[in-house]
Protein backbone atom coordinates (compact mmCIF):
# COMPACT_ATOMS: atom_id res chain seq x y z
CA UNK A 1 95.53 119.68 146.94
CA UNK A 2 95.10 121.42 143.59
CA UNK A 3 98.83 121.14 142.99
CA UNK A 4 98.72 117.39 143.59
CA UNK A 5 95.80 117.03 141.19
CA UNK A 6 97.64 119.06 138.56
CA UNK A 7 100.75 116.90 138.96
CA UNK A 8 98.65 113.76 138.70
CA UNK A 9 97.02 115.03 135.49
CA UNK A 10 100.40 115.93 134.04
CA UNK A 11 101.84 112.52 134.85
CA UNK A 12 98.77 110.78 133.42
CA UNK A 13 99.02 112.84 130.24
CA UNK A 14 102.73 112.10 129.82
CA UNK A 15 102.15 108.37 130.39
CA UNK A 16 99.28 108.33 127.88
CA UNK A 17 101.34 110.12 125.22
CA UNK A 18 104.32 107.81 125.81
CA UNK A 19 102.08 104.76 125.54
CA UNK A 20 100.53 106.07 122.33
CA UNK A 21 103.95 106.74 120.80
CA UNK A 22 105.22 103.30 121.84
CA UNK A 23 102.22 101.53 120.31
CA UNK A 24 102.53 103.57 117.12
CA UNK A 25 106.22 102.73 116.86
CA UNK A 26 105.71 99.00 117.41
CA UNK A 27 102.84 98.72 114.94
CA UNK A 28 104.76 100.72 112.34
CA UNK A 29 107.72 98.36 112.25
CA UNK A 30 107.94 96.32 109.06
CA UNK A 31 107.31 92.64 109.64
CA UNK A 32 109.10 90.11 107.42
CA UNK A 33 106.85 88.07 105.21
CA UNK A 34 106.57 84.31 105.80
CA UNK A 35 108.44 83.49 102.58
CA UNK A 36 111.33 85.69 103.70
CA UNK A 37 111.52 83.78 106.97
CA UNK A 38 111.55 80.44 105.15
CA UNK A 39 114.20 81.65 102.71
CA UNK A 40 116.36 82.92 105.56
CA UNK A 41 116.05 79.60 107.41
CA UNK A 42 116.94 77.71 104.25
CA UNK A 43 120.06 79.79 103.65
CA UNK A 44 121.23 79.26 107.21
CA UNK A 45 121.17 75.51 106.71
CA UNK A 46 123.83 73.66 104.78
CA UNK A 47 123.91 73.56 101.00
CA UNK A 48 121.47 71.26 99.24
CA UNK A 49 123.25 68.33 97.63
CA UNK A 50 121.28 67.27 94.60
CA UNK A 51 121.57 63.88 93.03
CA UNK A 52 122.36 63.56 89.36
CA UNK A 53 119.38 62.87 87.07
CA UNK A 54 120.01 59.11 87.25
CA UNK A 55 119.49 59.20 90.99
CA UNK A 56 122.77 57.48 91.86
CA UNK A 57 126.02 58.81 93.10
CA UNK A 58 129.13 57.44 91.43
CA UNK A 59 131.63 58.63 93.99
């Protein structure tokens, strides 16, 4: 019985440490800023075709 309790404590300790390390790893990851996400989405789209200052295309 004492052996089973010791095993159970060891398993619980290992699980707790693994959970702590996993949470620390996930929260430590750098998150991209919102402007970086917008810039990345804009670069993935096609090029922006700007009109000449007169506003008309002559071609």
